[in-house]
């Protein structure tokens, strides 16, 4: 889905979701109200 240096946008999610990491990872994300 994303590698080092990537930026990914996600919309509202209607079901639970799962991601994984192949090894050590660091990520930072922001959650925004959809009408914003």
ModelCIF file with pLDDT and N, C-alpha, C, O atoms, coordinates in Angstrom:
data_MODEL
#
_entry.id   MODEL 
#
_entity.id                         1 
_entity.type                       polymer 
_entity.pdbx_number_of_molecules   1 
#
_entity_poly.entity_id                      1 
_entity_poly.type                           'polypeptide(L)' 
_entity_poly.nstd_linkage                   no 
_entity_poly.nstd_monomer                   no 
_entity_poly.pdbx_seq_one_letter_code       
;(UNK)(UNK)(UNK)(UNK)(UNK)(UNK)(UNK)(UNK)(UNK)(UNK)(UNK)(UNK)(UNK)(UNK)(UNK)(UNK)
(UNK)(UNK)(UNK)(UNK)(UNK)(UNK)(UNK)(UNK)(UNK)(UNK)(UNK)(UNK)(UNK)(UNK)(UNK)(UNK)
(UNK)(UNK)(UNK)(UNK)
;
_entity_poly.pdbx_seq_one_letter_code_can   XXXXXXXXXXXXXXXXXXXXXXXXXXXXXXXXXXXX 
_entity_poly.pdbx_strand_id                 A 
#
loop_
_entity_poly_seq.entity_id 
_entity_poly_seq.num 
_entity_poly_seq.mon_id 
_entity_poly_seq.hetero 
1 1  UNK n 
1 2  UNK n 
1 3  UNK n 
1 4  UNK n 
1 5  UNK n 
1 6  UNK n 
1 7  UNK n 
1 8  UNK n 
1 9  UNK n 
1 10 UNK n 
1 11 UNK n 
1 12 UNK n 
1 13 UNK n 
1 14 UNK n 
1 15 UNK n 
1 16 UNK n 
1 17 UNK n 
1 18 UNK n 
1 19 UNK n 
1 20 UNK n 
1 21 UNK n 
1 22 UNK n 
1 23 UNK n 
1 24 UNK n 
1 25 UNK n 
1 26 UNK n 
1 27 UNK n 
1 28 UNK n 
1 29 UNK n 
1 30 UNK n 
1 31 UNK n 
1 32 UNK n 
1 33 UNK n 
1 34 UNK n 
1 35 UNK n 
1 36 UNK n 
#
_struct_asym.id          A 
_struct_asym.entity_id   1 
#
loop_
_ma_qa_metric.id 
_ma_qa_metric.mode 
_ma_qa_metric.name 
_ma_qa_metric.software_group_id 
_ma_qa_metric.type 
1 global pLDDT . pLDDT 
2 local  pLDDT . pLDDT 
#
_ma_qa_metric_global.metric_id      1 
_ma_qa_metric_global.metric_value   93.28 
_ma_qa_metric_global.model_id       1 
_ma_qa_metric_global.ordinal_id     1 
#
loop_
_ma_qa_metric_local.label_asym_id 
_ma_qa_metric_local.label_comp_id 
_ma_qa_metric_local.label_seq_id 
_ma_qa_metric_local.metric_id 
_ma_qa_metric_local.metric_value 
_ma_qa_metric_local.model_id 
_ma_qa_metric_local.ordinal_id 
A UNK 1  2 77.00 1 1  
A UNK 2  2 88.00 1 2  
A UNK 3  2 92.00 1 3  
A UNK 4  2 94.00 1 4  
A UNK 5  2 95.00 1 5  
A UNK 6  2 95.00 1 6  
A UNK 7  2 96.00 1 7  
A UNK 8  2 95.00 1 8  
A UNK 9  2 95.00 1 9  
A UNK 10 2 94.00 1 10 
A UNK 11 2 95.00 1 11 
A UNK 12 2 94.00 1 12 
A UNK 13 2 93.00 1 13 
A UNK 14 2 93.00 1 14 
A UNK 15 2 91.00 1 15 
A UNK 16 2 92.00 1 16 
A UNK 17 2 91.00 1 17 
A UNK 18 2 92.00 1 18 
A UNK 19 2 93.00 1 19 
A UNK 20 2 91.00 1 20 
A UNK 21 2 93.00 1 21 
A UNK 22 2 91.00 1 22 
A UNK 23 2 93.00 1 23 
A UNK 24 2 95.00 1 24 
A UNK 25 2 96.00 1 25 
A UNK 26 2 97.00 1 26 
A UNK 27 2 97.00 1 27 
A UNK 28 2 98.00 1 28 
A UNK 29 2 96.00 1 29 
A UNK 30 2 97.00 1 30 
A UNK 31 2 96.00 1 31 
A UNK 32 2 96.00 1 32 
A UNK 33 2 93.00 1 33 
A UNK 34 2 92.00 1 34 
A UNK 35 2 90.00 1 35 
A UNK 36 2 92.00 1 36 
#
loop_
_atom_site.group_PDB 
_atom_site.id 
_atom_site.type_symbol 
_atom_site.label_atom_id 
_atom_site.label_alt_id 
_atom_site.label_comp_id 
_atom_site.label_asym_id 
_atom_site.label_entity_id 
_atom_site.label_seq_id 
_atom_site.pdbx_PDB_ins_code 
_atom_site.Cartn_x 
_atom_site.Cartn_y 
_atom_site.Cartn_z 
_atom_site.occupancy 
_atom_site.B_iso_or_equiv 
_atom_site.pdbx_formal_charge 
_atom_site.auth_seq_id 
_atom_site.auth_comp_id 
_atom_site.auth_asym_id 
_atom_site.auth_atom_id 
_atom_site.pdbx_PDB_model_num 
ATOM 1   N N  . UNK A 1 1  ? 0.839   -1.188 0.000  1.00 77.00 ? 1  UNK A N  1 
ATOM 2   C CA . UNK A 1 1  ? 0.000   0.000  0.000  1.00 77.00 ? 1  UNK A CA 1 
ATOM 3   C C  . UNK A 1 1  ? 0.878   1.242  0.000  1.00 77.00 ? 1  UNK A C  1 
ATOM 4   O O  . UNK A 1 1  ? 0.598   2.204  -0.716 1.00 77.00 ? 1  UNK A O  1 
ATOM 5   N N  . UNK A 1 2  ? 1.931   1.225  0.795  1.00 88.00 ? 2  UNK A N  1 
ATOM 6   C CA . UNK A 1 2  ? 2.805   2.394  0.875  1.00 88.00 ? 2  UNK A CA 1 
ATOM 7   C C  . UNK A 1 2  ? 4.192   1.973  1.327  1.00 88.00 ? 2  UNK A C  1 
ATOM 8   O O  . UNK A 1 2  ? 4.358   1.089  2.167  1.00 88.00 ? 2  UNK A O  1 
ATOM 9   N N  . UNK A 1 3  ? 5.188   2.640  0.740  1.00 92.00 ? 3  UNK A N  1 
ATOM 10  C CA . UNK A 1 3  ? 6.581   2.431  1.112  1.00 92.00 ? 3  UNK A CA 1 
ATOM 11  C C  . UNK A 1 3  ? 7.107   3.717  1.750  1.00 92.00 ? 3  UNK A C  1 
ATOM 12  O O  . UNK A 1 3  ? 6.412   4.733  1.781  1.00 92.00 ? 3  UNK A O  1 
ATOM 13  N N  . UNK A 1 4  ? 8.330   3.663  2.255  1.00 94.00 ? 4  UNK A N  1 
ATOM 14  C CA . UNK A 1 4  ? 8.949   4.829  2.871  1.00 94.00 ? 4  UNK A CA 1 
ATOM 15  C C  . UNK A 1 4  ? 8.881   6.030  1.927  1.00 94.00 ? 4  UNK A C  1 
ATOM 16  O O  . UNK A 1 4  ? 9.257   5.939  0.758  1.00 94.00 ? 4  UNK A O  1 
ATOM 17  N N  . UNK A 1 5  ? 8.395   7.154  2.454  1.00 95.00 ? 5  UNK A N  1 
ATOM 18  C CA . UNK A 1 5  ? 8.283   8.368  1.666  1.00 95.00 ? 5  UNK A CA 1 
ATOM 19  C C  . UNK A 1 5  ? 6.938   8.561  1.007  1.00 95.00 ? 5  UNK A C  1 
ATOM 20  O O  . UNK A 1 5  ? 6.671   9.632  0.460  1.00 95.00 ? 5  UNK A O  1 
ATOM 21  N N  . UNK A 1 6  ? 6.072   7.542  1.043  1.00 95.00 ? 6  UNK A N  1 
ATOM 22  C CA . UNK A 1 6  ? 4.754   7.649  0.415  1.00 95.00 ? 6  UNK A CA 1 
ATOM 23  C C  . UNK A 1 6  ? 3.762   8.359  1.323  1.00 95.00 ? 6  UNK A C  1 
ATOM 24  O O  . UNK A 1 6  ? 3.887   8.344  2.547  1.00 95.00 ? 6  UNK A O  1 
ATOM 25  N N  . UNK A 1 7  ? 2.775   8.979  0.692  1.00 96.00 ? 7  UNK A N  1 
ATOM 26  C CA . UNK A 1 7  ? 1.646   9.599  1.395  1.00 96.00 ? 7  UNK A CA 1 
ATOM 27  C C  . UNK A 1 7  ? 0.370   9.053  0.789  1.00 96.00 ? 7  UNK A C  1 
ATOM 28  O O  . UNK A 1 7  ? 0.179   9.114  -0.426 1.00 96.00 ? 7  UNK A O  1 
ATOM 29  N N  . UNK A 1 8  ? -0.512  8.515  1.635  1.00 95.00 ? 8  UNK A N  1 
ATOM 30  C CA . UNK A 1 8  ? -1.721  7.835  1.174  1.00 95.00 ? 8  UNK A CA 1 
ATOM 31  C C  . UNK A 1 8  ? -2.949  8.494  1.782  1.00 95.00 ? 8  UNK A C  1 
ATOM 32  O O  . UNK A 1 8  ? -2.989  8.777  2.979  1.00 95.00 ? 8  UNK A O  1 
ATOM 33  N N  . UNK A 1 9  ? -3.958  8.737  0.936  1.00 95.00 ? 9  UNK A N  1 
ATOM 34  C CA . UNK A 1 9  ? -5.250  9.248  1.404  1.00 95.00 ? 9  UNK A CA 1 
ATOM 35  C C  . UNK A 1 9  ? -6.249  8.102  1.474  1.00 95.00 ? 9  UNK A C  1 
ATOM 36  O O  . UNK A 1 9  ? -6.309  7.261  0.577  1.00 95.00 ? 9  UNK A O  1 
ATOM 37  N N  . UNK A 1 10 ? -7.030  8.078  2.546  1.00 94.00 ? 10 UNK A N  1 
ATOM 38  C CA . UNK A 1 10 ? -8.089  7.084  2.692  1.00 94.00 ? 10 UNK A CA 1 
ATOM 39  C C  . UNK A 1 10 ? -9.413  7.749  2.994  1.00 94.00 ? 10 UNK A C  1 
ATOM 40  O O  . UNK A 1 10 ? -9.473  8.707  3.764  1.00 94.00 ? 10 UNK A O  1 
ATOM 41  N N  . UNK A 1 11 ? -10.482 7.240  2.386  1.00 95.00 ? 11 UNK A N  1 
ATOM 42  C CA . UNK A 1 11 ? -11.812 7.749  2.658  1.00 95.00 ? 11 UNK A CA 1 
ATOM 43  C C  . UNK A 1 11 ? -12.451 7.042  3.834  1.00 95.00 ? 11 UNK A C  1 
ATOM 44  O O  . UNK A 1 11 ? -11.811 6.191  4.452  1.00 95.00 ? 11 UNK A O  1 
ATOM 45  N N  . UNK A 1 12 ? -13.696 7.365  4.168  1.00 94.00 ? 12 UNK A N  1 
ATOM 46  C CA . UNK A 1 12 ? -14.405 6.662  5.239  1.00 94.00 ? 12 UNK A CA 1 
ATOM 47  C C  . UNK A 1 12 ? -14.423 5.156  4.993  1.00 94.00 ? 12 UNK A C  1 
ATOM 48  O O  . UNK A 1 12 ? -14.480 4.705  3.848  1.00 94.00 ? 12 UNK A O  1 
ATOM 49  N N  . UNK A 1 13 ? -14.374 4.393  6.062  1.00 93.00 ? 13 UNK A N  1 
ATOM 50  C CA . UNK A 1 13 ? -14.329 2.934  5.958  1.00 93.00 ? 13 UNK A CA 1 
ATOM 51  C C  . UNK A 1 13 ? -15.589 2.338  6.585  1.00 93.00 ? 13 UNK A C  1 
ATOM 52  O O  . UNK A 1 13 ? -15.907 2.615  7.742  1.00 93.00 ? 13 UNK A O  1 
ATOM 53  N N  . UNK A 1 14 ? -16.294 1.525  5.819  1.00 93.00 ? 14 UNK A N  1 
ATOM 54  C CA . UNK A 1 14 ? -17.552 0.952  6.303  1.00 93.00 ? 14 UNK A CA 1 
ATOM 55  C C  . UNK A 1 14 ? -17.360 -0.386 7.015  1.00 93.00 ? 14 UNK A C  1 
ATOM 56  O O  . UNK A 1 14 ? -18.322 -0.957 7.529  1.00 93.00 ? 14 UNK A O  1 
ATOM 57  N N  . UNK A 1 15 ? -16.150 -0.879 7.049  1.00 91.00 ? 15 UNK A N  1 
ATOM 58  C CA . UNK A 1 15 ? -15.883 -2.159 7.709  1.00 91.00 ? 15 UNK A CA 1 
ATOM 59  C C  . UNK A 1 15 ? -14.503 -2.098 8.340  1.00 91.00 ? 15 UNK A C  1 
ATOM 60  O O  . UNK A 1 15 ? -13.676 -1.281 7.935  1.00 91.00 ? 15 UNK A O  1 
ATOM 61  N N  . UNK A 1 16 ? -14.241 -2.947 9.322  1.00 92.00 ? 16 UNK A N  1 
ATOM 62  C CA . UNK A 1 16 ? -12.903 -2.952 9.910  1.00 92.00 ? 16 UNK A CA 1 
ATOM 63  C C  . UNK A 1 16 ? -11.874 -3.358 8.860  1.00 92.00 ? 16 UNK A C  1 
ATOM 64  O O  . UNK A 1 16 ? -12.176 -4.126 7.947  1.00 92.00 ? 16 UNK A O  1 
ATOM 65  N N  . UNK A 1 17 ? -10.661 -2.838 8.998  1.00 91.00 ? 17 UNK A N  1 
ATOM 66  C CA . UNK A 1 17 ? -9.619  -3.147 8.020  1.00 91.00 ? 17 UNK A CA 1 
ATOM 67  C C  . UNK A 1 17 ? -8.327  -3.508 8.738  1.00 91.00 ? 17 UNK A C  1 
ATOM 68  O O  . UNK A 1 17 ? -8.112  -3.162 9.900  1.00 91.00 ? 17 UNK A O  1 
ATOM 69  N N  . UNK A 1 18 ? -7.476  -4.214 8.006  1.00 92.00 ? 18 UNK A N  1 
ATOM 70  C CA . UNK A 1 18 ? -6.222  -4.694 8.557  1.00 92.00 ? 18 UNK A CA 1 
ATOM 71  C C  . UNK A 1 18 ? -5.105  -4.384 7.572  1.00 92.00 ? 18 UNK A C  1 
ATOM 72  O O  . UNK A 1 18 ? -5.226  -4.669 6.381  1.00 92.00 ? 18 UNK A O  1 
ATOM 73  N N  . UNK A 1 19 ? -4.018  -3.802 8.068  1.00 93.00 ? 19 UNK A N  1 
ATOM 74  C CA . UNK A 1 19 ? -2.795  -3.695 7.288  1.00 93.00 ? 19 UNK A CA 1 
ATOM 75  C C  . UNK A 1 19 ? -1.706  -4.448 8.033  1.00 93.00 ? 19 UNK A C  1 
ATOM 76  O O  . UNK A 1 19 ? -1.905  -4.876 9.170  1.00 93.00 ? 19 UNK A O  1 
ATOM 77  N N  . UNK A 1 20 ? -0.564  -4.607 7.396  1.00 91.00 ? 20 UNK A N  1 
ATOM 78  C CA . UNK A 1 20 ? 0.558   -5.258 8.068  1.00 91.00 ? 20 UNK A CA 1 
ATOM 79  C C  . UNK A 1 20 ? 1.842   -4.564 7.679  1.00 91.00 ? 20 UNK A C  1 
ATOM 80  O O  . UNK A 1 20 ? 1.862   -3.720 6.783  1.00 91.00 ? 20 UNK A O  1 
ATOM 81  N N  . UNK A 1 21 ? 2.919   -4.927 8.362  1.00 93.00 ? 21 UNK A N  1 
ATOM 82  C CA . UNK A 1 21 ? 4.253   -4.397 8.082  1.00 93.00 ? 21 UNK A CA 1 
ATOM 83  C C  . UNK A 1 21 ? 5.205   -5.572 7.951  1.00 93.00 ? 21 UNK A C  1 
ATOM 84  O O  . UNK A 1 21 ? 5.147   -6.510 8.746  1.00 93.00 ? 21 UNK A O  1 
ATOM 85  N N  . UNK A 1 22 ? 6.082   -5.530 6.954  1.00 91.00 ? 22 UNK A N  1 
ATOM 86  C CA . UNK A 1 22 ? 6.997   -6.650 6.742  1.00 91.00 ? 22 UNK A CA 1 
ATOM 87  C C  . UNK A 1 22 ? 8.112   -6.679 7.780  1.00 91.00 ? 22 UNK A C  1 
ATOM 88  O O  . UNK A 1 22 ? 8.729   -7.720 8.005  1.00 91.00 ? 22 UNK A O  1 
ATOM 89  N N  . UNK A 1 23 ? 8.368   -5.543 8.407  1.00 93.00 ? 23 UNK A N  1 
ATOM 90  C CA . UNK A 1 23 ? 9.401   -5.463 9.436  1.00 93.00 ? 23 UNK A CA 1 
ATOM 91  C C  . UNK A 1 23 ? 9.160   -4.240 10.295 1.00 93.00 ? 23 UNK A C  1 
ATOM 92  O O  . UNK A 1 23 ? 8.013   -3.854 10.521 1.00 93.00 ? 23 UNK A O  1 
ATOM 93  N N  . UNK A 1 24 ? 10.224  -3.630 10.772 1.00 95.00 ? 24 UNK A N  1 
ATOM 94  C CA . UNK A 1 24 ? 10.074  -2.429 11.588 1.00 95.00 ? 24 UNK A CA 1 
ATOM 95  C C  . UNK A 1 24 ? 9.477   -1.301 10.749 1.00 95.00 ? 24 UNK A C  1 
ATOM 96  O O  . UNK A 1 24 ? 9.743   -1.190 9.552  1.00 95.00 ? 24 UNK A O  1 
ATOM 97  N N  . UNK A 1 25 ? 8.674   -0.475 11.396 1.00 96.00 ? 25 UNK A N  1 
ATOM 98  C CA . UNK A 1 25 ? 7.932   0.541  10.659 1.00 96.00 ? 25 UNK A CA 1 
ATOM 99  C C  . UNK A 1 25 ? 7.760   1.789  11.519 1.00 96.00 ? 25 UNK A C  1 
ATOM 100 O O  . UNK A 1 25 ? 7.729   1.724  12.748 1.00 96.00 ? 25 UNK A O  1 
ATOM 101 N N  . UNK A 1 26 ? 7.652   2.904  10.849 1.00 97.00 ? 26 UNK A N  1 
ATOM 102 C CA . UNK A 1 26 ? 7.242   4.146  11.502 1.00 97.00 ? 26 UNK A CA 1 
ATOM 103 C C  . UNK A 1 26 ? 6.328   4.884  10.546 1.00 97.00 ? 26 UNK A C  1 
ATOM 104 O O  . UNK A 1 26 ? 6.681   5.110  9.389  1.00 97.00 ? 26 UNK A O  1 
ATOM 105 N N  . UNK A 1 27 ? 5.155   5.258  11.027 1.00 97.00 ? 27 UNK A N  1 
ATOM 106 C CA . UNK A 1 27 ? 4.253   6.049  10.200 1.00 97.00 ? 27 UNK A CA 1 
ATOM 107 C C  . UNK A 1 27 ? 3.509   7.048  11.062 1.00 97.00 ? 27 UNK A C  1 
ATOM 108 O O  . UNK A 1 27 ? 3.416   6.904  12.281 1.00 97.00 ? 27 UNK A O  1 
ATOM 109 N N  . UNK A 1 28 ? 2.988   8.053  10.404 1.00 98.00 ? 28 UNK A N  1 
ATOM 110 C CA . UNK A 1 28 ? 2.298   9.150  11.074 1.00 98.00 ? 28 UNK A CA 1 
ATOM 111 C C  . UNK A 1 28 ? 1.063   9.451  10.240 1.00 98.00 ? 28 UNK A C  1 
ATOM 112 O O  . UNK A 1 28 ? 1.154   9.613  9.023  1.00 98.00 ? 28 UNK A O  1 
ATOM 113 N N  . UNK A 1 29 ? -0.093  9.525  10.892 1.00 96.00 ? 29 UNK A N  1 
ATOM 114 C CA . UNK A 1 29 ? -1.268  9.851  10.088 1.00 96.00 ? 29 UNK A CA 1 
ATOM 115 C C  . UNK A 1 29 ? -2.201  10.801 10.806 1.00 96.00 ? 29 UNK A C  1 
ATOM 116 O O  . UNK A 1 29 ? -2.198  10.924 12.031 1.00 96.00 ? 29 UNK A O  1 
ATOM 117 N N  . UNK A 1 30 ? -2.992  11.459 9.998  1.00 97.00 ? 30 UNK A N  1 
ATOM 118 C CA . UNK A 1 30 ? -3.945  12.463 10.458 1.00 97.00 ? 30 UNK A CA 1 
ATOM 119 C C  . UNK A 1 30 ? -5.343  11.978 10.106 1.00 97.00 ? 30 UNK A C  1 
ATOM 120 O O  . UNK A 1 30 ? -5.566  11.430 9.027  1.00 97.00 ? 30 UNK A O  1 
ATOM 121 N N  . UNK A 1 31 ? -6.275  12.183 11.017 1.00 96.00 ? 31 UNK A N  1 
ATOM 122 C CA . UNK A 1 31 ? -7.678  11.839 10.806 1.00 96.00 ? 31 UNK A CA 1 
ATOM 123 C C  . UNK A 1 31 ? -8.477  13.131 10.680 1.00 96.00 ? 31 UNK A C  1 
ATOM 124 O O  . UNK A 1 31 ? -8.453  13.980 11.571 1.00 96.00 ? 31 UNK A O  1 
ATOM 125 N N  . UNK A 1 32 ? -9.181  13.267 9.566  1.00 96.00 ? 32 UNK A N  1 
ATOM 126 C CA . UNK A 1 32 ? -9.931  14.491 9.284  1.00 96.00 ? 32 UNK A CA 1 
ATOM 127 C C  . UNK A 1 32 ? -11.412 14.179 9.159  1.00 96.00 ? 32 UNK A C  1 
ATOM 128 O O  . UNK A 1 32 ? -11.797 13.115 8.676  1.00 96.00 ? 32 UNK A O  1 
ATOM 129 N N  . UNK A 1 33 ? -12.235 15.113 9.598  1.00 93.00 ? 33 UNK A N  1 
ATOM 130 C CA . UNK A 1 33 ? -13.669 14.978 9.390  1.00 93.00 ? 33 UNK A CA 1 
ATOM 131 C C  . UNK A 1 33 ? -13.959 15.027 7.891  1.00 93.00 ? 33 UNK A C  1 
ATOM 132 O O  . UNK A 1 33 ? -13.392 15.860 7.184  1.00 93.00 ? 33 UNK A O  1 
ATOM 133 N N  . UNK A 1 34 ? -14.832 14.150 7.396  1.00 92.00 ? 34 UNK A N  1 
ATOM 134 C CA . UNK A 1 34 ? -15.050 14.086 5.948  1.00 92.00 ? 34 UNK A CA 1 
ATOM 135 C C  . UNK A 1 34 ? -15.621 15.364 5.355  1.00 92.00 ? 34 UNK A C  1 
ATOM 136 O O  . UNK A 1 34 ? -15.277 15.722 4.229  1.00 92.00 ? 34 UNK A O  1 
ATOM 137 N N  . UNK A 1 35 ? -16.497 16.069 6.096  1.00 90.00 ? 35 UNK A N  1 
ATOM 138 C CA . UNK A 1 35 ? -17.025 17.314 5.539  1.00 90.00 ? 35 UNK A CA 1 
ATOM 139 C C  . UNK A 1 35 ? -15.946 18.390 5.478  1.00 90.00 ? 35 UNK A C  1 
ATOM 140 O O  . UNK A 1 35 ? -16.040 19.320 4.678  1.00 90.00 ? 35 UNK A O  1 
ATOM 141 N N  . UNK A 1 36 ? -14.907 18.266 6.332  1.00 92.00 ? 36 UNK A N  1 
ATOM 142 C CA . UNK A 1 36 ? -13.775 19.189 6.239  1.00 92.00 ? 36 UNK A CA 1 
ATOM 143 C C  . UNK A 1 36 ? -12.988 18.932 4.959  1.00 92.00 ? 36 UNK A C  1 
ATOM 144 O O  . UNK A 1 36 ? -11.994 19.610 4.699  1.00 92.00 ? 36 UNK A O  1 
#
